[in-house]
Amino acid sequence: MKPITVLLADDHTIVREGLRALLEMEADIQVVGEAGDGRQAVRMAMKFQPDVIVMDIAMPLLNGLEATRQIRTSLPAAKVIILSAYSDDEYIEHVTLVGAAGYLIKQTSAHILSKAIRDVQQGNVFFSPSIAERLNDLHPDSPDRGRAIKKRGITLTSRQVEVLQLIAEGKANKQIARELGISIKTVEKHRQLLMKKLNLHDTAGVTRYAIAAGIIESHVQVTVV
């Protein structure tokens, strides 16, 4: 029987190595790659086309939520399981919006992670019990938690989310241009449009918005003044 292929995405090497060691004990699961940031996760997903991606949320350059959205857009058959230390309502809401098939907290046992990988590969959704309970509270009438929720508020494009995260991480326009492969003028235009769209006036405001929207986690940005 063909094993379930898995890509691991987490910015902590020790976490990836631990997950790989645990999953490689399962005869029907094969880890095909590891990514240390969201942008690398997208590239590796395109390259290896794994059955399941286990994705952290807080990663540099591109967060796990936006990486999930981009992967699901290009590879609709890919199943993404979010594995995060955080279970705030804001993150749970965004996970369902980007089309993740599961959400596990990092206190989850290896047995549960393996079960989640097998379940989502079969087309099911899988959430930690505490997450499932919160989802029921947030959307009691939703028959399909991952696909029946309408996004509220302001909608940003994938590129705008990328620029927003890099601004919130303290990157200068030149650094953002180099990272995204676009001109500094284009970055400046994206920055101006974001400020106007979100009614923000400085970088601190952008950072606070990014944290509140679940685009970055609060510990990613060192200081907001």
N, C-alpha and C. Protein backbone atom coordinates (compact mmCIF):
# COMPACT_ATOMS: atom_id res chain seq x y z
N MET A 1 0.85 -1.20 0.00
CA MET A 1 0.00 0.00 0.00
C MET A 1 0.89 1.25 0.00
N LYS A 2 0.53 2.23 -0.82
CA LYS A 2 1.30 3.47 -0.91
C LYS A 2 1.19 4.24 0.39
N PRO A 3 2.32 4.67 0.96
CA PRO A 3 2.26 5.42 2.23
C PRO A 3 1.67 6.81 2.02
N ILE A 4 1.16 7.39 3.10
CA ILE A 4 0.67 8.77 3.08
C ILE A 4 1.90 9.68 3.15
N THR A 5 2.08 10.52 2.15
CA THR A 5 3.24 11.41 2.14
C THR A 5 2.92 12.69 2.91
N VAL A 6 3.88 13.15 3.72
CA VAL A 6 3.66 14.28 4.62
C VAL A 6 4.80 15.29 4.50
N LEU A 7 4.44 16.56 4.46
CA LEU A 7 5.40 17.66 4.52
C LEU A 7 5.25 18.34 5.88
N LEU A 8 6.36 18.57 6.57
CA LEU A 8 6.35 19.24 7.87
C LEU A 8 6.80 20.68 7.70
N ALA A 9 6.05 21.63 8.25
CA ALA A 9 6.40 23.04 8.16
C ALA A 9 6.35 23.67 9.55
N ASP A 10 7.52 24.01 10.06
CA ASP A 10 7.65 24.65 11.37
C ASP A 10 9.00 25.35 11.40
N ASP A 11 9.06 26.53 11.99
CA ASP A 11 10.33 27.27 11.97
C ASP A 11 11.31 26.81 13.04
N HIS A 12 10.91 25.86 13.87
CA HIS A 12 11.81 25.32 14.88
C HIS A 12 12.33 23.95 14.43
N THR A 13 13.63 23.87 14.20
CA THR A 13 14.23 22.63 13.71
C THR A 13 13.97 21.46 14.66
N ILE A 14 14.06 21.70 15.95
CA ILE A 14 13.88 20.62 16.92
C ILE A 14 12.45 20.06 16.87
N VAL A 15 11.47 20.93 16.58
CA VAL A 15 10.09 20.47 16.45
C VAL A 15 9.94 19.59 15.22
N ARG A 16 10.49 20.05 14.10
CA ARG A 16 10.41 19.26 12.86
C ARG A 16 11.09 17.90 13.04
N GLU A 17 12.28 17.91 13.66
CA GLU A 17 12.99 16.65 13.85
C GLU A 17 12.21 15.70 14.75
N GLY A 18 11.58 16.25 15.79
CA GLY A 18 10.78 15.44 16.69
C GLY A 18 9.57 14.84 15.99
N LEU A 19 8.88 15.67 15.19
CA LEU A 19 7.72 15.19 14.45
C LEU A 19 8.12 14.12 13.44
N ARG A 20 9.23 14.36 12.75
CA ARG A 20 9.70 13.37 11.77
C ARG A 20 9.99 12.03 12.46
N ALA A 21 10.70 12.09 13.58
CA ALA A 21 11.04 10.86 14.29
C ALA A 21 9.79 10.09 14.72
N LEU A 22 8.78 10.82 15.19
CA LEU A 22 7.54 10.17 15.63
C LEU A 22 6.78 9.57 14.45
N LEU A 23 6.67 10.34 13.37
CA LEU A 23 5.87 9.88 12.23
C LEU A 23 6.56 8.75 11.47
N GLU A 24 7.89 8.73 11.48
CA GLU A 24 8.59 7.68 10.76
C GLU A 24 8.47 6.33 11.46
N MET A 25 7.92 6.33 12.67
CA MET A 25 7.63 5.07 13.36
C MET A 25 6.35 4.42 12.83
N GLU A 26 5.59 5.19 12.04
CA GLU A 26 4.34 4.69 11.48
C GLU A 26 4.62 4.12 10.08
N ALA A 27 4.26 2.86 9.87
CA ALA A 27 4.59 2.18 8.62
C ALA A 27 3.89 2.77 7.41
N ASP A 28 2.74 3.41 7.62
CA ASP A 28 1.95 3.91 6.48
C ASP A 28 2.13 5.41 6.26
N ILE A 29 3.09 6.05 6.94
CA ILE A 29 3.32 7.49 6.79
C ILE A 29 4.77 7.74 6.41
N GLN A 30 4.98 8.57 5.40
CA GLN A 30 6.33 8.90 4.93
C GLN A 30 6.52 10.41 4.90
N VAL A 31 7.48 10.93 5.65
CA VAL A 31 7.80 12.35 5.62
C VAL A 31 8.69 12.62 4.41
N VAL A 32 8.22 13.47 3.50
CA VAL A 32 8.95 13.72 2.25
C VAL A 32 9.72 15.03 2.26
N GLY A 33 9.51 15.87 3.27
CA GLY A 33 10.22 17.14 3.31
C GLY A 33 9.93 17.93 4.55
N GLU A 34 10.80 18.93 4.81
CA GLU A 34 10.64 19.83 5.94
C GLU A 34 10.84 21.26 5.47
N ALA A 35 10.01 22.17 5.94
CA ALA A 35 10.11 23.59 5.59
C ALA A 35 10.24 24.41 6.86
N GLY A 36 11.10 25.44 6.81
CA GLY A 36 11.35 26.26 7.98
C GLY A 36 10.61 27.58 8.00
N ASP A 37 9.91 27.91 6.91
CA ASP A 37 9.07 29.11 6.87
C ASP A 37 7.94 28.88 5.88
N GLY A 38 6.95 29.78 5.89
CA GLY A 38 5.78 29.58 5.05
C GLY A 38 6.07 29.61 3.58
N ARG A 39 6.99 30.45 3.16
CA ARG A 39 7.30 30.55 1.74
C ARG A 39 7.96 29.25 1.24
N GLN A 40 8.84 28.71 2.06
CA GLN A 40 9.47 27.44 1.71
C GLN A 40 8.43 26.32 1.70
N ALA A 41 7.48 26.38 2.61
CA ALA A 41 6.42 25.37 2.66
C ALA A 41 5.63 25.36 1.35
N VAL A 42 5.32 26.54 0.83
CA VAL A 42 4.58 26.63 -0.43
C VAL A 42 5.40 26.02 -1.56
N ARG A 43 6.68 26.40 -1.63
CA ARG A 43 7.55 25.87 -2.69
C ARG A 43 7.66 24.34 -2.62
N MET A 44 7.85 23.83 -1.42
CA MET A 44 8.03 22.39 -1.26
C MET A 44 6.73 21.63 -1.51
N ALA A 45 5.61 22.24 -1.17
CA ALA A 45 4.32 21.62 -1.47
C ALA A 45 4.13 21.49 -2.97
N MET A 46 4.52 22.53 -3.72
CA MET A 46 4.42 22.47 -5.18
C MET A 46 5.35 21.40 -5.75
N LYS A 47 6.53 21.26 -5.14
CA LYS A 47 7.53 20.32 -5.64
C LYS A 47 7.16 18.87 -5.35
N PHE A 48 6.80 18.59 -4.10
CA PHE A 48 6.57 17.21 -3.68
C PHE A 48 5.10 16.78 -3.77
N GLN A 49 4.18 17.75 -3.77
CA GLN A 49 2.75 17.47 -3.79
C GLN A 49 2.37 16.38 -2.78
N PRO A 50 2.66 16.63 -1.52
CA PRO A 50 2.37 15.63 -0.48
C PRO A 50 0.87 15.47 -0.27
N ASP A 51 0.51 14.35 0.31
CA ASP A 51 -0.90 14.12 0.63
C ASP A 51 -1.36 15.04 1.75
N VAL A 52 -0.49 15.24 2.74
CA VAL A 52 -0.85 16.03 3.93
C VAL A 52 0.31 16.96 4.28
N ILE A 53 -0.01 18.20 4.64
CA ILE A 53 0.98 19.14 5.15
C ILE A 53 0.64 19.45 6.60
N VAL A 54 1.60 19.25 7.49
CA VAL A 54 1.44 19.61 8.90
C VAL A 54 2.09 20.97 9.07
N MET A 55 1.30 21.99 9.38
CA MET A 55 1.71 23.39 9.28
C MET A 55 1.59 24.15 10.59
N ASP A 56 2.69 24.79 10.99
CA ASP A 56 2.64 25.71 12.12
C ASP A 56 2.03 27.04 11.65
N ILE A 57 1.52 27.85 12.56
CA ILE A 57 0.97 29.14 12.18
C ILE A 57 2.05 30.21 12.15
N ALA A 58 2.77 30.36 13.25
CA ALA A 58 3.73 31.46 13.36
C ALA A 58 5.05 31.08 12.72
N MET A 59 5.25 31.51 11.49
CA MET A 59 6.51 31.29 10.79
C MET A 59 6.93 32.57 10.11
N PRO A 60 8.24 32.79 9.96
CA PRO A 60 8.71 34.03 9.33
C PRO A 60 8.42 34.06 7.84
N LEU A 61 8.47 35.28 7.29
CA LEU A 61 8.31 35.56 5.85
C LEU A 61 6.89 35.33 5.35
N LEU A 62 6.29 34.21 5.69
CA LEU A 62 4.90 33.94 5.31
C LEU A 62 4.31 33.04 6.39
N ASN A 63 3.23 33.50 7.02
CA ASN A 63 2.66 32.71 8.12
C ASN A 63 1.94 31.47 7.58
N GLY A 64 1.71 30.53 8.47
CA GLY A 64 1.11 29.26 8.07
C GLY A 64 -0.28 29.37 7.50
N LEU A 65 -1.04 30.37 7.94
CA LEU A 65 -2.40 30.53 7.41
C LEU A 65 -2.38 30.95 5.95
N GLU A 66 -1.55 31.94 5.62
CA GLU A 66 -1.47 32.37 4.23
C GLU A 66 -0.81 31.30 3.37
N ALA A 67 0.19 30.62 3.92
CA ALA A 67 0.80 29.51 3.18
C ALA A 67 -0.24 28.45 2.86
N THR A 68 -1.11 28.17 3.83
CA THR A 68 -2.18 27.19 3.60
C THR A 68 -3.11 27.65 2.49
N ARG A 69 -3.47 28.92 2.51
CA ARG A 69 -4.36 29.44 1.48
C ARG A 69 -3.73 29.31 0.10
N GLN A 70 -2.45 29.64 -0.01
CA GLN A 70 -1.78 29.55 -1.30
C GLN A 70 -1.65 28.10 -1.77
N ILE A 71 -1.33 27.21 -0.85
CA ILE A 71 -1.22 25.79 -1.21
C ILE A 71 -2.56 25.24 -1.66
N ARG A 72 -3.61 25.57 -0.93
CA ARG A 72 -4.94 25.05 -1.28
C ARG A 72 -5.44 25.62 -2.60
N THR A 73 -5.00 26.82 -2.94
CA THR A 73 -5.39 27.41 -4.22
C THR A 73 -4.73 26.66 -5.38
N SER A 74 -3.45 26.34 -5.21
CA SER A 74 -2.71 25.67 -6.28
C SER A 74 -2.89 24.15 -6.26
N LEU A 75 -3.07 23.59 -5.07
CA LEU A 75 -3.23 22.14 -4.93
C LEU A 75 -4.49 21.85 -4.11
N PRO A 76 -5.64 21.94 -4.73
CA PRO A 76 -6.90 21.77 -3.98
C PRO A 76 -7.01 20.42 -3.27
N ALA A 77 -6.32 19.41 -3.77
CA ALA A 77 -6.42 18.09 -3.16
C ALA A 77 -5.56 17.96 -1.91
N ALA A 78 -4.64 18.90 -1.71
CA ALA A 78 -3.75 18.82 -0.55
C ALA A 78 -4.53 19.03 0.75
N LYS A 79 -4.21 18.24 1.75
CA LYS A 79 -4.85 18.37 3.06
C LYS A 79 -3.86 19.03 4.02
N VAL A 80 -4.30 20.08 4.69
CA VAL A 80 -3.42 20.79 5.62
C VAL A 80 -3.95 20.64 7.03
N ILE A 81 -3.06 20.23 7.93
CA ILE A 81 -3.37 20.18 9.35
C ILE A 81 -2.55 21.26 10.05
N ILE A 82 -3.22 22.18 10.69
CA ILE A 82 -2.53 23.21 11.46
C ILE A 82 -2.16 22.62 12.82
N LEU A 83 -0.88 22.76 13.19
CA LEU A 83 -0.40 22.31 14.49
C LEU A 83 0.19 23.52 15.20
N SER A 84 -0.51 24.01 16.21
CA SER A 84 -0.12 25.28 16.83
C SER A 84 -0.23 25.21 18.35
N ALA A 85 0.56 26.05 19.00
CA ALA A 85 0.47 26.16 20.45
C ALA A 85 -0.71 27.03 20.87
N TYR A 86 -1.35 27.70 19.91
CA TYR A 86 -2.40 28.67 20.21
C TYR A 86 -3.77 28.15 19.80
N SER A 87 -4.76 28.48 20.61
CA SER A 87 -6.14 28.07 20.30
C SER A 87 -7.11 29.22 20.46
N ASP A 88 -6.65 30.45 20.22
CA ASP A 88 -7.52 31.61 20.31
C ASP A 88 -8.59 31.54 19.22
N ASP A 89 -9.75 32.12 19.50
CA ASP A 89 -10.85 32.12 18.53
C ASP A 89 -10.42 32.71 17.20
N GLU A 90 -9.59 33.76 17.24
CA GLU A 90 -9.17 34.43 16.02
C GLU A 90 -8.43 33.48 15.09
N TYR A 91 -7.54 32.66 15.66
CA TYR A 91 -6.79 31.72 14.84
C TYR A 91 -7.68 30.61 14.33
N ILE A 92 -8.57 30.12 15.17
CA ILE A 92 -9.50 29.06 14.76
C ILE A 92 -10.34 29.54 13.59
N GLU A 93 -10.83 30.77 13.67
CA GLU A 93 -11.65 31.36 12.61
C GLU A 93 -10.88 31.40 11.30
N HIS A 94 -9.63 31.85 11.35
CA HIS A 94 -8.84 31.97 10.13
C HIS A 94 -8.49 30.61 9.56
N VAL A 95 -8.26 29.64 10.41
CA VAL A 95 -7.93 28.29 9.93
C VAL A 95 -9.06 27.73 9.09
N THR A 96 -10.29 27.92 9.55
CA THR A 96 -11.42 27.42 8.76
C THR A 96 -11.56 28.17 7.45
N LEU A 97 -11.23 29.44 7.44
CA LEU A 97 -11.39 30.24 6.23
C LEU A 97 -10.40 29.86 5.14
N VAL A 98 -9.19 29.47 5.51
CA VAL A 98 -8.19 29.15 4.50
C VAL A 98 -8.29 27.71 4.02
N GLY A 99 -9.21 26.95 4.56
CA GLY A 99 -9.46 25.61 4.04
C GLY A 99 -8.65 24.49 4.67
N ALA A 100 -8.11 24.71 5.87
CA ALA A 100 -7.38 23.63 6.54
C ALA A 100 -8.34 22.49 6.90
N ALA A 101 -7.82 21.28 6.85
CA ALA A 101 -8.65 20.11 7.14
C ALA A 101 -8.60 19.73 8.61
N GLY A 102 -7.68 20.35 9.35
CA GLY A 102 -7.57 20.01 10.77
C GLY A 102 -6.82 21.05 11.54
N TYR A 103 -6.98 21.03 12.86
CA TYR A 103 -6.29 21.96 13.75
C TYR A 103 -6.00 21.21 15.04
N LEU A 104 -4.72 21.03 15.32
CA LEU A 104 -4.32 20.36 16.55
C LEU A 104 -3.46 21.29 17.38
N ILE A 105 -3.63 21.25 18.68
CA ILE A 105 -2.74 22.01 19.56
C ILE A 105 -1.48 21.17 19.79
N LYS A 106 -0.36 21.85 20.08
CA LYS A 106 0.92 21.15 20.14
C LYS A 106 1.07 20.23 21.35
N GLN A 107 0.12 20.28 22.26
CA GLN A 107 0.14 19.33 23.37
C GLN A 107 -0.40 17.97 22.94
N THR A 108 -0.84 17.87 21.69
CA THR A 108 -1.42 16.65 21.16
C THR A 108 -0.39 15.51 21.15
N SER A 109 -0.85 14.30 21.43
CA SER A 109 0.04 13.14 21.42
C SER A 109 0.36 12.72 19.99
N ALA A 110 1.46 11.98 19.85
CA ALA A 110 1.86 11.48 18.53
C ALA A 110 0.77 10.59 17.94
N HIS A 111 0.12 9.82 18.79
CA HIS A 111 -0.96 8.94 18.33
C HIS A 111 -2.08 9.74 17.68
N ILE A 112 -2.47 10.85 18.30
CA ILE A 112 -3.55 11.68 17.76
C ILE A 112 -3.13 12.33 16.45
N LEU A 113 -1.87 12.78 16.37
CA LEU A 113 -1.39 13.38 15.13
C LEU A 113 -1.44 12.37 13.99
N SER A 114 -0.99 11.16 14.24
CA SER A 114 -1.03 10.11 13.21
C SER A 114 -2.46 9.82 12.78
N LYS A 115 -3.36 9.77 13.75
CA LYS A 115 -4.78 9.53 13.44
C LYS A 115 -5.34 10.68 12.60
N ALA A 116 -4.96 11.93 12.94
CA ALA A 116 -5.43 13.08 12.20
C ALA A 116 -4.95 13.02 10.75
N ILE A 117 -3.69 12.65 10.55
CA ILE A 117 -3.14 12.54 9.19
C ILE A 117 -3.93 11.51 8.38
N ARG A 118 -4.20 10.37 8.99
CA ARG A 118 -4.95 9.33 8.28
C ARG A 118 -6.38 9.78 7.98
N ASP A 119 -6.99 10.45 8.95
CA ASP A 119 -8.39 10.88 8.77
C ASP A 119 -8.52 11.93 7.67
N VAL A 120 -7.66 12.94 7.67
CA VAL A 120 -7.81 13.99 6.65
C VAL A 120 -7.46 13.46 5.27
N GLN A 121 -6.54 12.49 5.21
CA GLN A 121 -6.21 11.88 3.93
C GLN A 121 -7.43 11.18 3.33
N GLN A 122 -8.31 10.69 4.20
CA GLN A 122 -9.53 10.01 3.75
C GLN A 122 -10.67 10.98 3.46
N GLY A 123 -10.40 12.28 3.60
CA GLY A 123 -11.40 13.27 3.26
C GLY A 123 -12.19 13.81 4.44
N ASN A 124 -11.80 13.44 5.65
CA ASN A 124 -12.49 13.93 6.84
C ASN A 124 -11.80 15.18 7.39
N VAL A 125 -12.44 15.82 8.36
CA VAL A 125 -11.80 16.91 9.09
C VAL A 125 -11.46 16.39 10.48
N PHE A 126 -10.43 16.99 11.08
CA PHE A 126 -10.00 16.50 12.39
C PHE A 126 -9.53 17.68 13.22
N PHE A 127 -10.16 17.88 14.38
CA PHE A 127 -9.79 18.97 15.28
C PHE A 127 -9.57 18.41 16.69
N SER A 128 -8.62 18.99 17.40
CA SER A 128 -8.49 18.66 18.81
C SER A 128 -9.83 18.89 19.49
N PRO A 129 -10.18 18.07 20.48
CA PRO A 129 -11.49 18.22 21.13
C PRO A 129 -11.81 19.64 21.57
N SER A 130 -10.83 20.34 22.16
CA SER A 130 -11.08 21.70 22.62
C SER A 130 -11.34 22.65 21.44
N ILE A 131 -10.67 22.41 20.33
CA ILE A 131 -10.87 23.22 19.13
C ILE A 131 -12.24 22.95 18.54
N ALA A 132 -12.62 21.68 18.47
CA ALA A 132 -13.93 21.32 17.93
C ALA A 132 -15.05 21.96 18.74
N GLU A 133 -14.87 21.98 20.05
CA GLU A 133 -15.88 22.60 20.92
C GLU A 133 -15.99 24.10 20.65
N ARG A 134 -14.84 24.74 20.47
CA ARG A 134 -14.86 26.19 20.18
C ARG A 134 -15.49 26.46 18.82
N LEU A 135 -15.22 25.59 17.86
CA LEU A 135 -15.82 25.75 16.54
C LEU A 135 -17.34 25.64 16.61
N ASN A 136 -17.82 24.71 17.41
CA ASN A 136 -19.27 24.57 17.58
C ASN A 136 -19.86 25.83 18.20
N ASP A 137 -19.12 26.44 19.11
CA ASP A 137 -19.60 27.68 19.73
C ASP A 137 -19.60 28.83 18.73
N LEU A 138 -18.54 28.88 17.89
CA LEU A 138 -18.43 29.97 16.92
C LEU A 138 -19.42 29.83 15.78
N HIS A 139 -19.63 28.60 15.31
CA HIS A 139 -20.47 28.37 14.12
C HIS A 139 -21.36 27.15 14.33
N PRO A 140 -22.33 27.24 15.21
CA PRO A 140 -23.16 26.08 15.53
C PRO A 140 -23.99 25.57 14.37
N ASP A 141 -24.25 26.42 13.37
CA ASP A 141 -25.10 26.01 12.26
C ASP A 141 -24.33 25.62 11.02
N SER A 142 -23.01 25.60 11.10
CA SER A 142 -22.20 25.30 9.92
C SER A 142 -22.05 23.80 9.73
N PRO A 143 -22.60 23.22 8.63
CA PRO A 143 -22.49 21.78 8.40
C PRO A 143 -21.08 21.36 8.04
N ASP A 144 -20.27 22.26 7.49
CA ASP A 144 -18.90 21.95 7.09
C ASP A 144 -18.03 23.09 7.58
N ARG A 145 -17.37 22.88 8.70
CA ARG A 145 -16.68 23.97 9.38
C ARG A 145 -15.64 24.65 8.50
N GLY A 146 -15.03 23.87 7.63
CA GLY A 146 -13.93 24.43 6.86
C GLY A 146 -14.34 25.16 5.60
N ARG A 147 -15.61 25.04 5.18
CA ARG A 147 -15.94 25.56 3.87
C ARG A 147 -17.25 26.35 3.80
N ALA A 148 -17.91 26.52 4.94
CA ALA A 148 -19.22 27.16 4.89
C ALA A 148 -19.27 28.47 5.65
N ILE A 149 -18.10 29.00 5.94
CA ILE A 149 -18.05 30.23 6.72
C ILE A 149 -17.67 31.40 5.82
N LYS A 150 -18.44 32.43 5.85
CA LYS A 150 -18.14 33.61 5.04
C LYS A 150 -17.20 34.52 5.80
N LYS A 151 -16.25 35.01 5.11
CA LYS A 151 -15.27 35.89 5.74
C LYS A 151 -15.89 37.24 6.02
N ARG A 152 -15.62 37.71 7.24
CA ARG A 152 -16.17 39.01 7.62
C ARG A 152 -15.09 40.07 7.51
N GLY A 153 -15.53 41.32 7.38
CA GLY A 153 -14.59 42.43 7.40
C GLY A 153 -13.88 42.63 6.09
N ILE A 154 -12.68 43.18 6.18
CA ILE A 154 -11.90 43.55 5.01
C ILE A 154 -11.19 42.33 4.44
N THR A 155 -11.26 42.17 3.14
CA THR A 155 -10.58 41.06 2.47
C THR A 155 -9.29 41.55 1.84
N LEU A 156 -8.19 40.83 2.12
CA LEU A 156 -6.90 41.15 1.55
C LEU A 156 -6.50 40.07 0.55
N THR A 157 -5.80 40.48 -0.50
CA THR A 157 -5.27 39.51 -1.45
C THR A 157 -4.07 38.79 -0.83
N SER A 158 -3.66 37.68 -1.46
CA SER A 158 -2.49 36.97 -0.97
C SER A 158 -1.26 37.87 -0.93
N ARG A 159 -1.06 38.65 -1.98
CA ARG A 159 0.10 39.54 -2.02
C ARG A 159 0.04 40.58 -0.92
N GLN A 160 -1.15 41.12 -0.66
CA GLN A 160 -1.30 42.11 0.39
C GLN A 160 -1.00 41.51 1.76
N VAL A 161 -1.41 40.26 1.96
CA VAL A 161 -1.11 39.59 3.23
C VAL A 161 0.40 39.39 3.38
N GLU A 162 1.06 39.02 2.28
CA GLU A 162 2.51 38.84 2.31
C GLU A 162 3.21 40.14 2.69
N VAL A 163 2.83 41.22 2.04
CA VAL A 163 3.43 42.53 2.33
C VAL A 163 3.12 42.95 3.76
N LEU A 164 1.89 42.75 4.18
CA LEU A 164 1.48 43.12 5.53
C LEU A 164 2.32 42.38 6.57
N GLN A 165 2.52 41.08 6.39
CA GLN A 165 3.31 40.33 7.37
C GLN A 165 4.74 40.84 7.42
N LEU A 166 5.33 41.09 6.26
CA LEU A 166 6.72 41.53 6.23
C LEU A 166 6.88 42.92 6.86
N ILE A 167 5.90 43.79 6.65
CA ILE A 167 5.92 45.10 7.31
C ILE A 167 5.84 44.89 8.82
N ALA A 168 4.91 44.03 9.25
CA ALA A 168 4.72 43.79 10.69
C ALA A 168 5.95 43.16 11.32
N GLU A 169 6.73 42.43 10.53
CA GLU A 169 7.96 41.83 11.05
C GLU A 169 9.11 42.82 11.07
N GLY A 170 8.84 44.06 10.65
CA GLY A 170 9.86 45.10 10.72
C GLY A 170 10.76 45.21 9.51
N LYS A 171 10.38 44.56 8.40
CA LYS A 171 11.20 44.61 7.20
C LYS A 171 11.04 45.97 6.51
N ALA A 172 12.16 46.49 5.98
CA ALA A 172 12.13 47.73 5.20
C ALA A 172 11.65 47.43 3.78
N ASN A 173 11.26 48.49 3.06
CA ASN A 173 10.75 48.30 1.71
C ASN A 173 11.74 47.55 0.82
N LYS A 174 13.03 47.87 0.95
CA LYS A 174 14.05 47.20 0.13
C LYS A 174 14.09 45.70 0.43
N GLN A 175 14.00 45.35 1.71
CA GLN A 175 14.00 43.94 2.09
C GLN A 175 12.77 43.22 1.57
N ILE A 176 11.62 43.89 1.66
CA ILE A 176 10.36 43.30 1.18
C ILE A 176 10.44 43.08 -0.33
N ALA A 177 10.96 44.06 -1.04
CA ALA A 177 11.09 43.94 -2.49
C ALA A 177 11.96 42.75 -2.87
N ARG A 178 13.07 42.60 -2.16
CA ARG A 178 13.99 41.49 -2.44
C ARG A 178 13.33 40.15 -2.12
N GLU A 179 12.62 40.08 -1.02
CA GLU A 179 12.00 38.83 -0.60
C GLU A 179 10.90 38.39 -1.57
N LEU A 180 10.12 39.36 -2.06
CA LEU A 180 8.99 39.04 -2.92
C LEU A 180 9.33 39.09 -4.41
N GLY A 181 10.54 39.56 -4.73
CA GLY A 181 10.94 39.64 -6.13
C GLY A 181 10.19 40.70 -6.91
N ILE A 182 9.89 41.82 -6.25
CA ILE A 182 9.19 42.92 -6.90
C ILE A 182 9.99 44.21 -6.68
N SER A 183 9.61 45.28 -7.35
CA SER A 183 10.34 46.53 -7.23
C SER A 183 9.98 47.25 -5.93
N ILE A 184 10.89 48.13 -5.50
CA ILE A 184 10.63 48.92 -4.30
C ILE A 184 9.40 49.81 -4.52
N LYS A 185 9.24 50.32 -5.74
CA LYS A 185 8.07 51.16 -6.04
C LYS A 185 6.78 50.36 -5.86
N THR A 186 6.80 49.09 -6.29
CA THR A 186 5.61 48.25 -6.13
C THR A 186 5.32 48.01 -4.65
N VAL A 187 6.37 47.81 -3.87
CA VAL A 187 6.19 47.64 -2.42
C VAL A 187 5.57 48.89 -1.82
N GLU A 188 6.07 50.05 -2.20
CA GLU A 188 5.54 51.32 -1.69
C GLU A 188 4.07 51.47 -2.04
N LYS A 189 3.71 51.04 -3.25
CA LYS A 189 2.31 51.13 -3.67
C LYS A 189 1.44 50.20 -2.82
N HIS A 190 1.93 48.96 -2.60
CA HIS A 190 1.19 48.01 -1.76
C HIS A 190 1.02 48.57 -0.34
N ARG A 191 2.08 49.17 0.18
CA ARG A 191 2.04 49.73 1.53
C ARG A 191 0.99 50.83 1.62
N GLN A 192 0.97 51.73 0.62
CA GLN A 192 0.02 52.83 0.60
C GLN A 192 -1.42 52.31 0.52
N LEU A 193 -1.63 51.31 -0.35
CA LEU A 193 -2.98 50.75 -0.51
C LEU A 193 -3.44 50.05 0.77
N LEU A 194 -2.51 49.35 1.42
CA LEU A 194 -2.85 48.67 2.68
C LEU A 194 -3.25 49.68 3.75
N MET A 195 -2.45 50.72 3.89
CA MET A 195 -2.74 51.75 4.89
C MET A 195 -4.13 52.35 4.66
N LYS A 196 -4.41 52.63 3.39
CA LYS A 196 -5.70 53.23 3.06
C LYS A 196 -6.84 52.24 3.29
N LYS A 197 -6.65 51.00 2.84
CA LYS A 197 -7.69 49.98 2.94
C LYS A 197 -8.03 49.67 4.40
N LEU A 198 -7.00 49.64 5.23
CA LEU A 198 -7.18 49.28 6.63
C LEU A 198 -7.34 50.49 7.54
N ASN A 199 -7.25 51.68 6.96
CA ASN A 199 -7.34 52.93 7.72
C ASN A 199 -6.29 52.97 8.84
N LEU A 200 -5.06 52.66 8.45
CA LEU A 200 -3.94 52.68 9.38
C LEU A 200 -2.98 53.78 8.98
N HIS A 201 -2.17 54.24 9.94
CA HIS A 201 -1.35 55.41 9.67
C HIS A 201 0.14 55.22 9.97
N ASP A 202 0.52 54.09 10.55
CA ASP A 202 1.93 53.86 10.83
C ASP A 202 2.20 52.37 10.94
N THR A 203 3.49 52.02 11.04
CA THR A 203 3.89 50.62 11.09
C THR A 203 3.37 49.93 12.34
N ALA A 204 3.34 50.66 13.46
CA ALA A 204 2.81 50.07 14.69
C ALA A 204 1.36 49.65 14.52
N GLY A 205 0.59 50.48 13.81
CA GLY A 205 -0.81 50.13 13.55
C GLY A 205 -0.92 48.90 12.68
N VAL A 206 -0.05 48.79 11.69
CA VAL A 206 -0.04 47.61 10.82
C VAL A 206 0.27 46.36 11.65
N THR A 207 1.24 46.47 12.55
CA THR A 207 1.62 45.33 13.38
C THR A 207 0.47 44.91 14.30
N ARG A 208 -0.18 45.88 14.92
CA ARG A 208 -1.31 45.55 15.79
C ARG A 208 -2.42 44.87 15.00
N TYR A 209 -2.66 45.36 13.79
CA TYR A 209 -3.69 44.75 12.95
C TYR A 209 -3.30 43.31 12.60
N ALA A 210 -2.03 43.10 12.23
CA ALA A 210 -1.57 41.77 11.85
C ALA A 210 -1.71 40.77 13.00
N ILE A 211 -1.43 41.22 14.22
CA ILE A 211 -1.59 40.35 15.38
C ILE A 211 -3.07 40.05 15.62
N ALA A 212 -3.90 41.08 15.58
CA ALA A 212 -5.33 40.91 15.83
C ALA A 212 -5.99 40.03 14.79
N ALA A 213 -5.50 40.10 13.54
CA ALA A 213 -6.09 39.34 12.44
C ALA A 213 -5.54 37.93 12.35
N GLY A 214 -4.58 37.59 13.21
CA GLY A 214 -4.01 36.25 13.17
C GLY A 214 -2.99 36.05 12.07
N ILE A 215 -2.53 37.14 11.44
CA ILE A 215 -1.53 37.04 10.37
C ILE A 215 -0.16 36.74 10.96
N ILE A 216 0.13 37.32 12.12
CA ILE A 216 1.31 36.94 12.89
C ILE A 216 0.86 36.74 14.33
N GLU A 217 1.64 35.99 15.09
CA GLU A 217 1.36 35.83 16.50
C GLU A 217 2.13 36.90 17.26
N SER A 218 1.67 37.22 18.44
CA SER A 218 2.19 38.39 19.15
C SER A 218 3.67 38.33 19.45
N HIS A 219 4.24 37.12 19.59
CA HIS A 219 5.65 37.02 19.94
C HIS A 219 6.56 37.21 18.72
N VAL A 220 5.98 37.25 17.49
CA VAL A 220 6.80 37.38 16.29
C VAL A 220 7.42 38.76 16.22
N GLN A 221 6.65 39.78 16.55
CA GLN A 221 7.15 41.15 16.52
C GLN A 221 7.70 41.52 17.89
N VAL A 222 8.93 41.95 17.95
CA VAL A 222 9.56 42.14 19.25
C VAL A 222 8.97 43.30 20.03
N THR A 223 8.75 44.46 19.38
CA THR A 223 8.28 45.62 20.10
C THR A 223 7.35 46.45 19.23
N VAL A 224 6.26 46.90 19.81
CA VAL A 224 5.34 47.81 19.12
C VAL A 224 5.26 49.07 19.95
N VAL A 225 5.59 50.22 19.35
CA VAL A 225 5.57 51.46 20.10
C VAL A 225 4.48 52.38 19.58
